[in-house]
Amino acid sequence: MSTNPVVIITGANKGIGYHTAKFLISSSKPYTVILTSRSLDRAQAAIKTLSEIDSVKKGLENGSVIVPVTLDITKAESVAALRKEVEEKYGRVDALLNNAGIHQDFNVTAGKTSKRDAFFESYDTNVVSTHFITEAFIPLLFKSSSPRLIFVSTGLASLQEHENPNYPPNQAPAAGWPKTDPYNNTTYRITKSAENMMAREWYRILKNDPIKVHIIEPGWVATELGGGDPKIMASFGAIGPDIPGEFFAKVVAGERDADEGKFLDKDGIYPW
């Protein structure tokens, strides 16, 4: 079995997950990164692109490994299949990075889905399925000598920051009904706030065990989440996904273990 730390990253074919994989593989310490996507083709394409980066090439030469895997966290059979494969091949998991998530509010605004469906789908992915994939891999985390459980959250889930009037998504739409809300993030904010409490529950449950639990605010990141256009987002000040990717790699490596259970960002502690 591999002596490399075994890291599972959900939703890693692009964005933050992709760049976290890049920094892990590029580090001086070899890792085995299980890069998951709902599509095996997309996972394989991501690995092909990663493998063309010089720092990744060097990491692979030094013993790091990237493994493409199909995973839909909303499907119990998909989670069970990955759990079986990982247990048989590696016998443990050293870090589970719960990165997979959905943002449906822009689709609601565009008339592509209903608010009700957006709520159910978002809660299923961002809360329920994230909880149950965590539960599935807890036994394998217990078999690690230095296990970490990491949740990707968002500043939009912060109750305190919700009161910040200078942040555009907090600005109220004009009076009257029905509303035209250019900053609609309702289902995403609500479900990610719920995910924060779920992550805190895992911290409570595992507090007397060796598993370090981290809840991370990555910043406003230029990705395709929710149908966003990274170039347009970057023009308004969103950071590239490489910045949180580098930070998440440091969390996986244990550099923020002193702050476990808190709401973290790359600069310190973020308000709940």
Protein backbone atom coordinates (compact mmCIF):
# COMPACT_ATOMS: atom_id res chain seq x y z
CA MET A 1 0.00 0.00 0.00
CA SER A 2 1.09 3.58 -0.68
CA THR A 3 3.18 5.34 1.95
CA ASN A 4 2.14 8.69 0.44
CA PRO A 5 -0.56 10.60 2.32
CA VAL A 6 -3.82 9.70 0.56
CA VAL A 7 -6.01 12.73 -0.15
CA ILE A 8 -9.53 12.63 -1.61
CA ILE A 9 -10.73 15.87 -3.22
CA THR A 10 -14.37 15.95 -4.28
CA GLY A 11 -15.32 18.04 -7.30
CA ALA A 12 -11.69 18.46 -8.33
CA ASN A 13 -11.76 18.60 -12.12
CA LYS A 14 -11.65 22.41 -12.05
CA GLY A 15 -11.59 25.43 -9.76
CA ILE A 16 -10.39 25.22 -6.17
CA GLY A 17 -10.24 21.42 -6.09
CA TYR A 18 -8.12 21.30 -9.25
CA HIS A 19 -5.65 23.86 -7.94
CA THR A 20 -5.43 22.17 -4.55
CA ALA A 21 -4.46 18.98 -6.36
CA LYS A 22 -1.88 20.95 -8.34
CA PHE A 23 -0.20 22.34 -5.22
CA LEU A 24 -0.25 19.02 -3.39
CA ILE A 25 1.33 17.15 -6.29
CA SER A 26 3.86 19.97 -6.79
CA SER A 27 5.01 19.94 -3.16
CA SER A 28 8.31 18.41 -2.07
CA LYS A 29 6.39 15.74 -0.13
CA PRO A 30 4.82 13.04 -2.32
CA TYR A 31 1.02 12.69 -2.17
CA THR A 32 -1.51 10.33 -3.65
CA VAL A 33 -4.37 12.59 -4.75
CA ILE A 34 -7.69 11.01 -5.67
CA LEU A 35 -9.17 13.58 -8.03
CA THR A 36 -12.91 13.06 -8.31
CA SER A 37 -15.49 14.34 -10.75
CA ARG A 38 -19.00 13.30 -11.71
CA SER A 39 -17.51 12.52 -15.12
CA LEU A 40 -14.48 10.25 -15.52
CA ASP A 41 -13.68 12.00 -18.81
CA ARG A 42 -13.50 15.36 -17.02
CA ALA A 43 -11.33 13.90 -14.25
CA GLN A 44 -8.95 12.40 -16.81
CA ALA A 45 -8.86 15.64 -18.81
CA ALA A 46 -8.02 17.58 -15.64
CA ILE A 47 -5.16 15.21 -14.87
CA LYS A 48 -3.86 15.47 -18.43
CA THR A 49 -3.78 19.27 -18.10
CA LEU A 50 -2.17 19.09 -14.67
CA SER A 51 0.48 16.70 -15.95
CA GLU A 52 1.65 19.32 -18.45
CA ILE A 53 2.60 21.76 -15.65
CA ASP A 54 6.33 21.67 -14.89
CA SER A 55 5.94 21.64 -11.09
CA VAL A 56 3.42 18.80 -11.35
CA LYS A 57 5.72 16.86 -13.69
CA LYS A 58 8.46 17.17 -11.08
CA GLY A 59 6.12 16.05 -8.31
CA LEU A 60 5.06 13.00 -10.30
CA GLU A 61 8.71 12.15 -10.94
CA ASN A 62 9.32 12.41 -7.17
CA GLY A 63 6.63 9.87 -6.34
CA SER A 64 3.34 11.74 -6.25
CA VAL A 65 0.34 10.10 -7.90
CA ILE A 66 -2.95 11.48 -9.25
CA VAL A 67 -5.85 9.07 -9.61
CA PRO A 68 -8.99 9.97 -11.62
CA VAL A 69 -12.23 8.69 -10.13
CA THR A 70 -15.92 9.09 -10.94
CA LEU A 71 -17.88 10.33 -7.93
CA ASP A 72 -21.34 11.80 -7.51
CA ILE A 73 -21.65 12.60 -3.82
CA THR A 74 -25.46 12.66 -4.10
CA LYS A 75 -25.51 8.96 -5.07
CA ALA A 76 -25.00 6.51 -2.19
CA GLU A 77 -23.81 3.78 -4.56
CA SER A 78 -21.16 6.11 -6.02
CA VAL A 79 -19.85 6.97 -2.56
CA ALA A 80 -19.87 3.29 -1.54
CA ALA A 81 -17.92 2.30 -4.66
CA LEU A 82 -15.23 4.88 -3.96
CA ARG A 83 -15.05 3.87 -0.31
CA LYS A 84 -14.54 0.21 -1.34
CA GLU A 85 -11.90 1.09 -3.94
CA VAL A 86 -9.92 3.32 -1.57
CA GLU A 87 -10.06 0.81 1.28
CA GLU A 88 -8.85 -2.02 -0.94
CA LYS A 89 -6.04 -0.02 -2.59
CA TYR A 90 -4.81 2.16 0.26
CA GLY A 91 -6.37 0.96 3.50
CA ARG A 92 -6.83 4.49 4.81
CA VAL A 93 -7.53 8.14 3.97
CA ASP A 94 -5.26 10.86 5.33
CA ALA A 95 -7.38 13.82 4.23
CA LEU A 96 -10.89 14.22 2.88
CA LEU A 97 -11.46 17.59 1.24
CA ASN A 98 -15.20 18.20 0.85
CA ASN A 99 -15.03 20.61 -2.06
CA ALA A 100 -18.01 19.49 -4.20
CA GLY A 101 -20.93 21.90 -4.02
CA ILE A 102 -23.56 23.64 -6.12
CA HIS A 103 -24.87 27.18 -6.50
CA GLN A 104 -28.28 27.26 -8.20
CA ASP A 105 -29.40 30.85 -7.62
CA PHE A 106 -28.21 32.15 -10.98
CA ASN A 107 -30.19 29.36 -12.64
CA VAL A 108 -33.27 30.49 -10.70
CA THR A 109 -32.78 34.06 -11.90
CA ALA A 110 -32.35 32.83 -15.48
CA GLY A 111 -35.54 30.74 -15.26
CA LYS A 112 -33.64 27.46 -15.70
CA THR A 113 -34.88 25.95 -12.44
CA SER A 114 -37.47 26.71 -9.78
CA LYS A 115 -36.65 28.10 -6.34
CA ARG A 116 -38.05 24.95 -4.75
CA ASP A 117 -35.87 22.66 -6.86
CA ALA A 118 -32.87 24.90 -6.22
CA PHE A 119 -33.41 24.60 -2.47
CA PHE A 120 -33.77 20.82 -2.52
CA GLU A 121 -30.82 20.24 -4.85
CA SER A 122 -28.58 22.67 -2.99
CA TYR A 123 -29.42 21.25 0.42
CA ASP A 124 -28.90 17.72 -0.86
CA THR A 125 -25.45 18.47 -2.27
CA ASN A 126 -24.09 21.10 0.10
CA VAL A 127 -25.37 19.59 3.35
CA VAL A 128 -26.90 16.09 3.25
CA SER A 129 -24.56 14.44 0.74
CA THR A 130 -21.50 16.18 2.16
CA HIS A 131 -22.46 14.84 5.58
CA PHE A 132 -22.90 11.29 4.36
CA ILE A 133 -19.71 11.09 2.30
CA THR A 134 -17.93 12.29 5.42
CA GLU A 135 -19.61 9.57 7.46
CA ALA A 136 -18.60 6.97 4.86
CA PHE A 137 -14.90 7.86 5.07
CA ILE A 138 -14.57 8.48 8.82
CA PRO A 139 -13.49 4.83 9.43
CA LEU A 140 -10.68 5.21 6.88
CA LEU A 141 -9.62 8.54 8.39
CA PHE A 142 -9.30 6.76 11.74
CA LYS A 143 -6.73 4.45 10.12
CA SER A 144 -4.47 7.41 9.30
CA SER A 145 -1.68 8.51 11.64
CA SER A 146 -2.45 12.18 10.86
CA PRO A 147 -6.02 12.54 9.53
CA ARG A 148 -7.74 15.73 8.41
CA LEU A 149 -11.34 16.45 7.46
CA ILE A 150 -11.80 19.68 5.51
CA PHE A 151 -14.96 21.51 4.45
CA VAL A 152 -15.00 24.22 1.78
CA SER A 153 -17.38 26.93 2.95
CA THR A 154 -17.90 30.53 1.80
CA GLY A 155 -17.97 34.02 3.26
CA LEU A 156 -21.56 34.22 2.03
CA ALA A 157 -22.43 31.79 4.84
CA SER A 158 -21.21 34.16 7.56
CA LEU A 159 -24.03 35.57 9.70
CA GLN A 160 -21.84 38.41 10.91
CA GLU A 161 -20.71 39.39 7.42
CA HIS A 162 -24.35 39.32 6.31
CA GLU A 163 -24.70 42.63 8.19
CA ASN A 164 -21.90 44.30 6.22
CA PRO A 165 -23.70 46.90 4.05
CA ASN A 166 -20.62 47.53 1.92
CA TYR A 167 -20.64 44.01 0.51
CA PRO A 168 -22.77 44.04 -2.69
CA PRO A 169 -24.57 40.68 -2.06
CA ASN A 170 -25.87 42.15 1.21
CA GLN A 171 -27.54 45.14 -0.45
CA ALA A 172 -31.33 45.10 -0.39
CA PRO A 173 -33.27 45.18 -3.67
CA ALA A 174 -35.65 48.04 -4.41
CA ALA A 175 -38.99 48.27 -2.62
CA GLY A 176 -42.01 46.46 -4.05
CA TRP A 177 -42.98 42.99 -5.20
CA PRO A 178 -41.97 40.91 -7.08
CA LYS A 179 -38.30 41.56 -6.49
CA THR A 180 -35.55 41.90 -9.03
CA ASP A 181 -32.48 40.89 -7.05
CA PRO A 182 -29.19 41.21 -8.95
CA TYR A 183 -27.31 39.67 -6.02
CA ASN A 184 -29.50 36.62 -5.48
CA ASN A 185 -27.50 34.03 -3.54
CA THR A 186 -30.33 32.87 -1.29
CA THR A 187 -30.21 29.08 -1.59
CA TYR A 188 -26.43 29.02 -1.67
CA ARG A 189 -26.07 31.18 1.45
CA ILE A 190 -28.68 29.25 3.42
CA THR A 191 -27.33 25.81 2.57
CA LYS A 192 -23.68 26.76 3.10
CA SER A 193 -24.60 28.24 6.49
CA ALA A 194 -26.19 24.89 7.29
CA GLU A 195 -23.03 23.17 6.10
CA ASN A 196 -21.03 25.25 8.57
CA MET A 197 -23.13 23.91 11.44
CA MET A 198 -22.82 20.40 10.06
CA ALA A 199 -19.03 20.81 9.96
CA ARG A 200 -19.06 22.16 13.50
CA GLU A 201 -21.04 19.08 14.55
CA TRP A 202 -18.32 16.89 13.06
CA TYR A 203 -15.78 18.90 15.04
CA ARG A 204 -17.80 18.30 18.22
CA ILE A 205 -18.23 14.60 17.51
CA LEU A 206 -14.53 14.09 16.75
CA LYS A 207 -13.07 16.49 19.32
CA ASN A 208 -11.62 13.69 21.47
CA ASP A 209 -10.25 11.83 18.45
CA PRO A 210 -7.14 12.47 16.33
CA ILE A 211 -9.06 13.73 13.27
CA LYS A 212 -8.49 17.46 12.71
CA VAL A 213 -11.60 19.21 11.37
CA HIS A 214 -11.25 22.41 9.34
CA ILE A 215 -13.88 24.78 7.90
CA ILE A 216 -12.44 27.09 5.25
CA GLU A 217 -13.59 30.34 3.66
CA PRO A 218 -11.68 30.46 0.35
CA GLY A 219 -12.48 34.07 -0.55
CA TRP A 220 -14.34 35.42 -3.57
CA VAL A 221 -12.93 33.14 -6.23
CA ALA A 222 -13.24 33.43 -10.00
CA THR A 223 -14.67 30.01 -10.89
CA GLU A 224 -17.54 28.58 -12.93
CA LEU A 225 -19.57 27.72 -9.81
CA GLY A 226 -23.23 28.46 -10.44
CA GLY A 227 -22.58 29.35 -14.07
CA GLY A 228 -20.21 32.19 -13.24
CA ASP A 229 -17.78 33.62 -15.79
CA PRO A 230 -14.28 33.59 -14.24
CA LYS A 231 -13.01 36.37 -16.53
CA ILE A 232 -15.86 38.71 -15.64
CA MET A 233 -15.53 37.86 -11.94
CA ALA A 234 -11.78 38.53 -12.06
CA SER A 235 -12.42 41.92 -13.65
CA PHE A 236 -14.45 42.83 -10.55
CA GLY A 237 -11.72 41.71 -8.16
CA ALA A 238 -12.28 37.98 -7.63
CA ILE A 239 -9.10 36.06 -6.92
CA GLY A 240 -7.87 33.16 -9.00
CA PRO A 241 -8.53 29.62 -7.72
CA ASP A 242 -4.79 29.05 -7.41
CA ILE A 243 -4.73 31.27 -4.29
CA PRO A 244 -7.17 29.18 -2.21
CA GLY A 245 -5.72 26.05 -3.83
CA GLU A 246 -2.33 26.83 -2.33
CA PHE A 247 -3.94 27.58 1.04
CA PHE A 248 -5.94 24.33 1.07
CA ALA A 249 -2.76 22.39 0.31
CA LYS A 250 -1.20 23.96 3.40
CA VAL A 251 -4.23 22.96 5.48
CA VAL A 252 -3.92 19.39 4.19
CA ALA A 253 -0.25 19.47 5.21
CA GLY A 254 -1.23 20.43 8.77
CA GLU A 255 -0.08 24.04 8.76
CA ARG A 256 -3.35 25.31 10.30
CA ASP A 257 -4.03 22.53 12.79
CA ALA A 258 -3.79 24.96 15.71
CA ASP A 259 -6.99 26.60 14.43
CA GLU A 260 -9.07 23.45 13.91
CA GLY A 261 -12.81 23.82 14.33
CA LYS A 262 -12.72 27.54 13.56
CA PHE A 263 -13.87 29.34 10.41
CA LEU A 264 -10.57 29.97 8.62
CA ASP A 265 -9.35 31.95 5.67
CA LYS A 266 -5.83 32.35 4.38
CA ASP A 267 -5.28 35.46 6.50
CA GLY A 268 -6.58 34.16 9.84
CA ILE A 269 -9.96 33.57 11.47
CA TYR A 270 -13.16 34.49 9.64
CA PRO A 271 -16.31 35.57 11.55
CA TRP A 272 -19.16 33.09 11.83
